[in-house]
C-alpha atoms as a PDB file:
ATOM      1  CA  MET A   1       0.010  -0.003   0.002  1.00  0.00           C
ATOM      2  CA  ASN A   2       2.910   2.359   0.588  1.00  0.00           C
ATOM      3  CA  GLN A   3       4.650   1.752  -2.727  1.00  0.00           C
ATOM      4  CA  PRO A   4       2.367   3.902  -4.846  1.00  0.00           C
ATOM      5  CA  SER A   5       2.840   6.802  -2.443  1.00  0.00           C
ATOM      6  CA  ARG A   6       6.628   6.440  -2.756  1.00  0.00           C
ATOM      7  CA  GLY A   7       6.214   6.372  -6.526  1.00  0.00           C
ATOM      8  CA  ARG A   8       4.147   9.542  -6.557  1.00  0.00           C
ATOM      9  CA  SER A   9       6.510  11.290  -4.173  1.00  0.00           C
ATOM     10  CA  GLY A  10       9.408  10.196  -6.378  1.00  0.00           C
ATOM     11  CA  LEU A  11       7.758  11.776  -9.388  1.00  0.00           C
ATOM     12  CA  GLN A  12       7.055  14.938  -7.432  1.00  0.00           C
ATOM     13  CA  ARG A  13      10.714  15.140  -6.403  1.00  0.00           C
ATOM     14  CA  ARG A  14      11.810  14.609 -10.013  1.00  0.00           C
ATOM     15  CA  ASP A  15       9.507  17.398 -11.174  1.00  0.00           C
ATOM     16  CA  GLN A  16      10.740  19.701  -8.425  1.00  0.00           C
ATOM     17  CA  ILE A  17      14.367  19.006  -9.431  1.00  0.00           C
ATOM     18  CA  ALA A  18      13.474  19.684 -13.095  1.00  0.00           C
ATOM     19  CA  LEU A  19      11.807  22.987 -12.186  1.00  0.00           C
ATOM     20  CA  SER A  20      14.791  24.035 -10.112  1.00  0.00           C
ATOM     21  CA  ALA A  21      17.063  23.141 -13.004  1.00  0.00           C
ATOM     22  CA  GLY A  22      14.937  25.172 -15.317  1.00  0.00           C
ATOM     23  CA  LEU A  23      15.424  28.202 -13.147  1.00  0.00           C
ATOM     24  CA  LEU A  24      19.089  27.695 -12.224  1.00  0.00           C
ATOM     25  CA  ALA A  25      20.707  26.185 -15.342  1.00  0.00           C
ATOM     26  CA  PRO A  26      20.503  29.385 -17.445  1.00  0.00           C
ATOM     27  CA  LEU A  27      21.674  31.435 -14.453  1.00  0.00           C
ATOM     28  CA  THR A  28      24.679  29.111 -14.095  1.00  0.00           C
ATOM     29  CA  VAL A  29      25.493  29.499 -17.778  1.00  0.00           C
ATOM     30  CA  ALA A  30      25.272  33.326 -17.418  1.00  0.00           C
ATOM     31  CA  VAL A  31      27.506  33.423 -14.353  1.00  0.00           C
ATOM     32  CA  VAL A  32      30.140  31.087 -15.891  1.00  0.00           C
ATOM     33  CA  LEU A  33      30.301  33.149 -19.088  1.00  0.00           C
ATOM     34  CA  LEU A  34      30.271  36.511 -17.310  1.00  0.00           C
ATOM     35  CA  PRO A  35      34.092  36.892 -17.261  1.00  0.00           C
ATOM     36  CA  LEU A  36      34.036  36.505 -21.061  1.00  0.00           C
ATOM     37  CA  ARG A  37      31.612  39.390 -21.572  1.00  0.00           C
ATOM     38  CA  GLY A  38      33.039  41.588 -24.326  1.00  0.00           C
ATOM     39  CA  HIS A  39      35.153  38.719 -25.652  1.00  0.00           C
ATOM     40  CA  ILE A  40      32.468  36.298 -26.842  1.00  0.00           C
ATOM     41  CA  ALA A  41      29.819  36.972 -29.435  1.00  0.00           C
ATOM     42  CA  ASP A  42      26.223  37.340 -28.289  1.00  0.00           C
ATOM     43  CA  THR A  43      25.186  34.621 -30.822  1.00  0.00           C
ATOM     44  CA  ASP A  44      27.522  32.127 -29.105  1.00  0.00           C
ATOM     45  CA  VAL A  45      26.085  33.083 -25.711  1.00  0.00           C
ATOM     46  CA  THR A  46      22.563  32.635 -27.083  1.00  0.00           C
ATOM     47  CA  LEU A  47      23.377  29.147 -28.386  1.00  0.00           C
ATOM     48  CA  LEU A  48      24.753  28.165 -24.989  1.00  0.00           C
ATOM     49  CA  PHE A  49      21.560  29.361 -23.309  1.00  0.00           C
ATOM     50  CA  VAL A  50      19.537  27.295 -25.776  1.00  0.00           C
ATOM     51  CA  LEU A  51      21.628  24.270 -24.938  1.00  0.00           C
ATOM     52  CA  ALA A  52      20.814  24.814 -21.245  1.00  0.00           C
ATOM     53  CA  VAL A  53      17.106  24.917 -22.124  1.00  0.00           C
ATOM     54  CA  VAL A  54      17.418  21.725 -24.203  1.00  0.00           C
ATOM     55  CA  GLY A  55      19.103  19.981 -21.313  1.00  0.00           C
ATOM     56  CA  VAL A  56      16.206  20.816 -19.035  1.00  0.00           C
ATOM     57  CA  ALA A  57      13.504  20.142 -21.591  1.00  0.00           C
ATOM     58  CA  ALA A  58      14.915  16.680 -22.275  1.00  0.00           C
ATOM     59  CA  ASN A  59      13.433  15.642 -18.927  1.00  0.00           C
ATOM     60  CA  GLY A  60      10.045  15.770 -20.687  1.00  0.00           C
ATOM     61  CA  LEU A  61       8.383  18.181 -18.232  1.00  0.00           C
ATOM     62  CA  ARG A  62       6.897  21.015 -20.208  1.00  0.00           C
ATOM     63  CA  THR A  63       6.678  23.449 -17.281  1.00  0.00           C
ATOM     64  CA  ALA A  64      10.360  23.023 -16.541  1.00  0.00           C
ATOM     65  CA  GLY A  65      11.264  23.742 -20.171  1.00  0.00           C
ATOM     66  CA  TRP A  66       9.133  26.847 -20.169  1.00  0.00           C
ATOM     67  CA  VAL A  67      10.754  28.050 -16.912  1.00  0.00           C
ATOM     68  CA  ALA A  68      14.156  27.409 -18.468  1.00  0.00           C
ATOM     69  CA  ALA A  69      13.224  29.416 -21.589  1.00  0.00           C
ATOM     70  CA  VAL A  70      11.987  32.385 -19.529  1.00  0.00           C
ATOM     71  CA  SER A  71      15.020  32.138 -17.208  1.00  0.00           C
ATOM     72  CA  ALA A  72      17.409  32.054 -20.158  1.00  0.00           C
ATOM     73  CA  ALA A  73      15.813  35.131 -21.764  1.00  0.00           C
ATOM     74  CA  MET A  74      15.785  37.014 -18.462  1.00  0.00           C
ATOM     75  CA  TRP A  75      19.413  36.305 -17.575  1.00  0.00           C
ATOM     76  CA  PHE A  76      20.508  37.084 -21.120  1.00  0.00           C
ATOM     77  CA  ASP A  77      18.812  40.499 -20.688  1.00  0.00           C
ATOM     78  CA  PHE A  78      20.292  41.017 -17.220  1.00  0.00           C
ATOM     79  CA  PHE A  79      23.935  40.140 -18.000  1.00  0.00           C
ATOM     80  CA  TRP A  80      24.361  40.475 -21.705  1.00  0.00           C
ATOM     81  CA  THR A  81      22.372  43.524 -22.937  1.00  0.00           C
ATOM     82  CA  HIS A  82      22.916  47.223 -22.331  1.00  0.00           C
ATOM     83  CA  PRO A  83      22.427  48.536 -19.749  1.00  0.00           C
ATOM     84  CA  TYR A  84      24.089  45.641 -17.924  1.00  0.00           C
ATOM     85  CA  GLU A  85      22.642  44.128 -14.736  1.00  0.00           C
ATOM     86  CA  GLN A  86      19.282  45.726 -15.281  1.00  0.00           C
ATOM     87  CA  LEU A  87      16.101  44.089 -16.695  1.00  0.00           C
ATOM     88  CA  THR A  88      15.958  46.699 -19.407  1.00  0.00           C
ATOM     89  CA  ILE A  89      16.734  46.405 -23.077  1.00  0.00           C
ATOM     90  CA  THR A  90      17.314  49.527 -25.232  1.00  0.00           C
ATOM     91  CA  GLY A  91      18.851  48.168 -28.465  1.00  0.00           C
ATOM     92  CA  ARG A  92      16.617  46.725 -31.180  1.00  0.00           C
ATOM     93  CA  ALA A  93      19.074  43.897 -31.892  1.00  0.00           C
ATOM     94  CA  ASP A  94      19.060  42.910 -28.211  1.00  0.00           C
ATOM     95  CA  ILE A  95      15.278  42.965 -28.137  1.00  0.00           C
ATOM     96  CA  GLU A  96      15.132  40.690 -31.167  1.00  0.00           C
ATOM     97  CA  THR A  97      17.677  38.324 -29.574  1.00  0.00           C
ATOM     98  CA  PHE A  98      15.691  38.263 -26.343  1.00  0.00           C
ATOM     99  CA  VAL A  99      12.448  37.444 -28.180  1.00  0.00           C
ATOM    100  CA  LEU A 100      14.105  34.782 -30.349  1.00  0.00           C
ATOM    101  CA  LEU A 101      15.765  33.187 -27.330  1.00  0.00           C
ATOM    102  CA  LEU A 102      12.406  32.960 -25.578  1.00  0.00           C
ATOM    103  CA  ALA A 103      10.657  31.620 -28.717  1.00  0.00           C
ATOM    104  CA  VAL A 104      13.375  29.081 -29.486  1.00  0.00           C
ATOM    105  CA  GLY A 105      13.396  27.913 -25.879  1.00  0.00           C
ATOM    106  CA  VAL A 106       9.633  27.312 -25.904  1.00  0.00           C
ATOM    107  CA  ALA A 107       9.815  25.574 -29.344  1.00  0.00           C
ATOM    108  CA  VAL A 108      12.663  23.332 -28.271  1.00  0.00           C
ATOM    109  CA  THR A 109      10.726  22.428 -25.137  1.00  0.00           C
ATOM    110  CA  GLU A 110       7.676  21.395 -27.148  1.00  0.00           C
ATOM    111  CA  ILE A 111       9.801  19.273 -29.471  1.00  0.00           C
ATOM    112  CA  ALA A 112      11.526  17.599 -26.531  1.00  0.00           C
ATOM    113  CA  VAL A 113       8.241  16.927 -24.752  1.00  0.00           C
ATOM    114  CA  ARG A 114       6.671  15.392 -27.841  1.00  0.00           C
ATOM    115  CA  GLY A 115       9.751  13.305 -28.511  1.00  0.00           C
ATOM    116  CA  ARG A 116       9.756  12.040 -24.920  1.00  0.00           C
ATOM    117  CA  ARG A 117       6.056  11.089 -25.143  1.00  0.00           C
ATOM    118  CA  GLN A 118       6.577   9.223 -28.432  1.00  0.00           C
ATOM    119  CA  HIS A 119       9.493   7.343 -26.938  1.00  0.00           C
ATOM    120  CA  THR A 120       7.439   6.480 -23.856  1.00  0.00           C
ATOM    121  CA  ARG A 121       4.524   5.362 -26.025  1.00  0.00           C
ATOM    122  CA  ALA A 122       6.735   3.184 -28.192  1.00  0.00           C
ATOM    123  CA  SER A 123       8.360   1.586 -25.109  1.00  0.00           C
ATOM    124  CA  ARG A 124       4.972   0.964 -23.546  1.00  0.00           C
ATOM    125  CA  GLU A 125       3.573  -0.636 -26.751  1.00  0.00           C
ATOM    126  CA  ALA A 126       6.663  -2.811 -26.980  1.00  0.00           C
ATOM    127  CA  GLY A 127       5.989  -3.906 -23.415  1.00  0.00           C
ATOM    128  CA  PHE A 128       2.353  -4.663 -24.320  1.00  0.00           C
ATOM    129  CA  ARG A 129       3.429  -6.947 -27.146  1.00  0.00           C
ATOM    130  CA  ALA A 130       6.052  -8.647 -25.045  1.00  0.00           C
ATOM    131  CA  GLY A 131       3.547  -9.348 -22.277  1.00  0.00           C
ATOM    132  CA  ILE A 132       0.935 -10.849 -24.669  1.00  0.00           C
ATOM    133  CA  LEU A 133       3.605 -12.934 -26.431  1.00  0.00           C
ATOM    134  CA  ALA A 134       4.961 -14.223 -23.165  1.00  0.00           C
ATOM    135  CA  ALA A 135       1.499 -15.259 -21.998  1.00  0.00           C
ATOM    136  CA  ALA A 136       0.738 -16.892 -25.396  1.00  0.00           C
ATOM    137  CA  GLU A 137       4.044 -18.739 -25.299  1.00  0.00           C
ATOM    138  CA  ALA A 138       3.280 -20.078 -21.822  1.00  0.00           C
ATOM    139  CA  VAL A 139      -0.047 -21.369 -23.083  1.00  0.00           C
ATOM    140  CA  ALA A 140       1.524 -22.911 -26.193  1.00  0.00           C
ATOM    141  CA  THR A 141       4.251 -24.666 -24.252  1.00  0.00           C
ATOM    142  CA  GLY A 142       1.732 -26.226 -21.848  1.00  0.00           C
ATOM    143  CA  ASP A 143       2.536 -24.272 -18.683  1.00  0.00           C
ATOM    144  CA  SER A 144       0.083 -25.005 -15.895  1.00  0.00           C
ATOM    145  CA  PRO A 145      -2.959 -22.712 -15.770  1.00  0.00           C
ATOM    146  CA  SER A 146      -1.952 -21.470 -12.335  1.00  0.00           C
ATOM    147  CA  ALA A 147       1.439 -20.343 -13.687  1.00  0.00           C
ATOM    148  CA  VAL A 148      -0.214 -18.512 -16.608  1.00  0.00           C
ATOM    149  CA  ILE A 149      -2.767 -16.911 -14.262  1.00  0.00           C
ATOM    150  CA  ASP A 150      -0.099 -15.752 -11.859  1.00  0.00           C
ATOM    151  CA  SER A 151       1.911 -14.288 -14.753  1.00  0.00           C
ATOM    152  CA  VAL A 152      -1.150 -12.519 -16.182  1.00  0.00           C
ATOM    153  CA  ALA A 153      -2.128 -11.184 -12.755  1.00  0.00           C
ATOM    154  CA  ALA A 154       1.358  -9.643 -12.270  1.00  0.00           C
ATOM    155  CA  GLN A 155       1.171  -8.035 -15.693  1.00  0.00           C
ATOM    156  CA  LEU A 156      -2.289  -6.607 -15.009  1.00  0.00           C
ATOM    157  CA  VAL A 157      -1.008  -4.959 -11.811  1.00  0.00           C
ATOM    158  CA  SER A 158       1.798  -3.184 -13.761  1.00  0.00           C
ATOM    159  CA  LEU A 159      -0.304  -2.468 -16.856  1.00  0.00           C
ATOM    160  CA  LEU A 160      -3.387  -0.987 -15.221  1.00  0.00           C
ATOM    161  CA  GLY A 161      -1.887   0.641 -12.129  1.00  0.00           C
ATOM    162  CA  LEU A 162      -3.372  -1.740  -9.543  1.00  0.00           C
ATOM    163  CA  GLU A 163      -2.831  -2.456  -5.892  1.00  0.00           C
ATOM    164  CA  SER A 164      -3.540  -6.145  -6.623  1.00  0.00           C
ATOM    165  CA  ALA A 165      -5.108  -8.603  -9.050  1.00  0.00           C
ATOM    166  CA  ARG A 166      -6.396 -12.002  -8.050  1.00  0.00           C
ATOM    167  CA  PHE A 167      -8.151 -14.755  -9.969  1.00  0.00           C
ATOM    168  CA  VAL A 168     -11.320 -16.424  -8.717  1.00  0.00           C
ATOM    169  CA  TYR A 169     -13.438 -19.135 -10.318  1.00  0.00           C
ATOM    170  CA  GLY A 170     -16.818 -18.009  -9.016  1.00  0.00           C
ATOM    171  CA  THR A 171     -19.210 -15.377 -10.230  1.00  0.00           C
ATOM    172  CA  GLY A 172     -20.482 -12.352  -8.295  1.00  0.00           C
ATOM    173  CA  LEU A 173     -22.869  -9.440  -8.527  1.00  0.00           C
ATOM    174  CA  GLY A 174     -22.453  -5.730  -8.227  1.00  0.00           C
ATOM    175  CA  HIS A 175     -18.902  -5.427  -9.471  1.00  0.00           C
ATOM    176  CA  PRO A 176     -17.834  -2.754 -11.929  1.00  0.00           C
ATOM    177  CA  ARG A 177     -16.515  -4.522 -14.996  1.00  0.00           C
ATOM    178  CA  LEU A 178     -13.726  -4.119 -17.523  1.00  0.00           C
ATOM    179  CA  GLU A 179     -15.540  -5.143 -20.698  1.00  0.00           C
ATOM    180  CA  HIS A 180     -13.982  -6.955 -23.677  1.00  0.00           C
ATOM    181  CA  ASP A 181     -14.145  -3.812 -25.836  1.00  0.00           C
ATOM    182  CA  GLY A 182     -11.920  -1.984 -23.310  1.00  0.00           C
ATOM    183  CA  SER A 183     -14.722   0.084 -21.739  1.00  0.00           C
ATOM    184  CA  VAL A 184     -15.411   0.088 -18.019  1.00  0.00           C
ATOM    185  CA  THR A 185     -19.000  -0.112 -16.767  1.00  0.00           C
ATOM    186  CA  ARG A 186     -20.490   0.439 -13.311  1.00  0.00           C
ATOM    187  CA  ARG A 187     -24.130  -0.233 -12.573  1.00  0.00           C
ATOM    188  CA  GLY A 188     -24.842  -0.331 -16.310  1.00  0.00           C
ATOM    189  CA  GLN A 189     -23.153   3.040 -17.002  1.00  0.00           C
ATOM    190  CA  ILE A 190     -19.875   3.567 -18.895  1.00  0.00           C
ATOM    191  CA  VAL A 191     -17.139   5.116 -16.782  1.00  0.00           C
ATOM    192  CA  ASP A 192     -14.926   7.814 -18.299  1.00  0.00           C
ATOM    193  CA  VAL A 193     -11.659   6.250 -17.196  1.00  0.00           C
ATOM    194  CA  GLU A 194      -9.450   8.886 -18.856  1.00  0.00           C
ATOM    195  CA  ARG A 195     -11.209  11.592 -16.826  1.00  0.00           C
ATOM    196  CA  ASP A 196     -12.260   9.866 -13.620  1.00  0.00           C
ATOM    197  CA  GLY A 197      -9.919   6.890 -13.370  1.00  0.00           C
ATOM    198  CA  LEU A 198     -10.905   3.333 -12.503  1.00  0.00           C
ATOM    199  CA  PRO A 199     -13.711   2.817  -9.989  1.00  0.00           C
ATOM    200  CA  GLN A 200     -12.473   3.183  -6.420  1.00  0.00           C
ATOM    201  CA  PRO A 201     -13.808   2.027  -2.989  1.00  0.00           C
ATOM    202  CA  PRO A 202     -16.496   1.864  -1.756  1.00  0.00           C
ATOM    203  CA  ASP A 203     -17.101   0.138  -5.065  1.00  0.00           C
ATOM    204  CA  ARG A 204     -16.352  -3.538  -5.205  1.00  0.00           C
ATOM    205  CA  PRO A 205     -13.126  -4.614  -7.028  1.00  0.00           C
ATOM    206  CA  LEU A 206     -13.254  -4.232 -10.787  1.00  0.00           C
ATOM    207  CA  GLU A 207     -13.878  -7.589 -12.469  1.00  0.00           C
ATOM    208  CA  LEU A 208     -12.346  -8.788 -15.727  1.00  0.00           C
ATOM    209  CA  VAL A 209     -14.224 -11.860 -16.878  1.00  0.00           C
ATOM    210  CA  VAL A 210     -12.143 -14.713 -18.328  1.00  0.00           C
ATOM    211  CA  GLU A 211     -13.820 -16.723 -21.093  1.00  0.00           C
ATOM    212  CA  SER A 212     -12.717 -19.217 -23.724  1.00  0.00           C
ATOM    213  CA  GLY A 213     -14.812 -20.888 -26.412  1.00  0.00           C
ATOM    214  CA  GLY A 214     -17.831 -18.970 -25.198  1.00  0.00           C
ATOM    215  CA  ALA A 215     -17.571 -20.571 -21.750  1.00  0.00           C
ATOM    216  CA  PHE A 216     -16.991 -18.715 -18.486  1.00  0.00           C
ATOM    217  CA  ARG A 217     -13.662 -19.721 -16.888  1.00  0.00           C
ATOM    218  CA  GLY A 218     -13.406 -17.306 -13.973  1.00  0.00           C
ATOM    219  CA  ARG A 219     -12.515 -13.690 -13.438  1.00  0.00           C
ATOM    220  CA  PHE A 220      -9.788 -11.402 -12.246  1.00  0.00           C
ATOM    221  CA  LEU A 221     -10.702  -9.093  -9.404  1.00  0.00           C
ATOM    222  CA  LEU A 222      -8.744  -5.902  -9.763  1.00  0.00           C
ATOM    223  CA  THR A 223      -8.078  -3.374  -6.971  1.00  0.00           C
ATOM    224  CA  PRO A 224      -6.957  -0.111  -8.570  1.00  0.00           C
ATOM    225  CA  ARG A 225      -4.620   2.468  -7.056  1.00  0.00           C
ATOM    226  CA  PRO A 226      -6.170   5.874  -6.478  1.00  0.00           C
ATOM    227  CA  ASP A 227      -4.298   7.353  -9.402  1.00  0.00           C
ATOM    228  CA  ALA A 228      -5.039   4.498 -11.903  1.00  0.00           C
ATOM    229  CA  GLN A 229      -6.127   5.919 -15.249  1.00  0.00           C
ATOM    230  CA  PRO A 230      -5.123   3.322 -17.845  1.00  0.00           C
ATOM    231  CA  THR A 231      -5.691   4.222 -21.504  1.00  0.00           C
ATOM    232  CA  ARG A 232      -8.083   2.328 -23.668  1.00  0.00           C
ATOM    233  CA  ALA A 233      -5.144   0.632 -25.386  1.00  0.00           C
ATOM    234  CA  GLU A 234      -3.867  -0.554 -22.013  1.00  0.00           C
ATOM    235  CA  ARG A 235      -7.308  -1.869 -21.074  1.00  0.00           C
ATOM    236  CA  LEU A 236      -7.567  -3.760 -24.352  1.00  0.00           C
ATOM    237  CA  VAL A 237      -4.162  -5.326 -23.676  1.00  0.00           C
ATOM    238  CA  ALA A 238      -5.489  -6.387 -20.280  1.00  0.00           C
ATOM    239  CA  VAL A 239      -8.424  -8.106 -22.014  1.00  0.00           C
ATOM    240  CA  ALA A 240      -5.989  -9.875 -24.385  1.00  0.00           C
ATOM    241  CA  LEU A 241      -3.944 -11.105 -21.417  1.00  0.00           C
ATOM    242  CA  ALA A 242      -7.117 -12.369 -19.740  1.00  0.00           C
ATOM    243  CA  ASP A 243      -7.942 -14.264 -22.937  1.00  0.00           C
ATOM    244  CA  GLN A 244      -4.554 -16.066 -22.689  1.00  0.00           C
ATOM    245  CA  ALA A 245      -5.467 -17.170 -19.168  1.00  0.00           C
ATOM    246  CA  GLY A 246      -8.794 -18.383 -20.547  1.00  0.00           C
ATOM    247  CA  ALA A 247      -6.986 -20.379 -23.235  1.00  0.00           C
ATOM    248  CA  ALA A 248      -4.759 -21.985 -20.603  1.00  0.00           C
ATOM    249  CA  LEU A 249      -7.743 -22.963 -18.507  1.00  0.00           C
ATOM    250  CA  ALA A 250      -9.662 -24.273 -21.532  1.00  0.00           C
ATOM    251  CA  GLY A 251      -6.703 -26.379 -22.675  1.00  0.00           C
ATOM    252  CA  TYR A 252      -6.124 -27.835 -19.224  1.00  0.00           C
ATOM    253  CA  GLN A 253      -9.802 -28.774 -18.849  1.00  0.00           C
ATOM    254  CA  ALA A 254      -9.909 -30.300 -22.338  1.00  0.00           C
ATOM    255  CA  VAL A 255      -6.877 -32.502 -21.599  1.00  0.00           C
ATOM    256  CA  HIS A 256      -8.313 -33.677 -18.300  1.00  0.00           C
ATOM    257  CA  ARG A 257     -11.687 -34.457 -19.727  1.00  0.00           C
ATOM    258  CA  ARG A 258     -10.000 -36.755 -22.255  1.00  0.00           C
END
């Protein structure tokens, strides 16, 4: 129960560090270069400020990148434009450089954020495929249903952001349900998971019914973390994983009937 809190606090610390870096990295660049004022071209200074912004933006936090862009433009004005050490710009060229530095910093941040998101999405999708293939391979090689179920349950916890996932053979009433089309229903109504997250207590655990060949095989009872908001793609992967558990159970029952 404490692990999610540690994870959230870890993310908050990372964001705080990124914001601090966004504020301080351009200032550090300005102070380090200050002895060279009058000996280094403003264009070179501007490029170094942009590099500082890129370094911060690479973290993938948009706010930190914007803070870095504003900080870079402000410290360029303060240390590198006349009159020095005042937040005042009198020359047209300096004004243009200030505006361009701010605009480039924001643009670079947006590019970095989108690139980070695409990388994360690609990694997540690769993980989806690997999980499904692993479950399918376990079924194909004749692993025991309990081993397949345990493997699927562990993957569901990671995939959907759960506290726990357990398999039961019986049926039950009144549970919110993860449907096979990826939607989530509660008392006959569709839940907007992207907006509201998965149903939380006092609701009963979320159920994911396991079927194979049109026959009921059991269900996974899923207890979400408070911050669980899996995407529809993630929920569809969860359904595919449950289908692998159903295939393992169906194969085991067919063998033992023979």
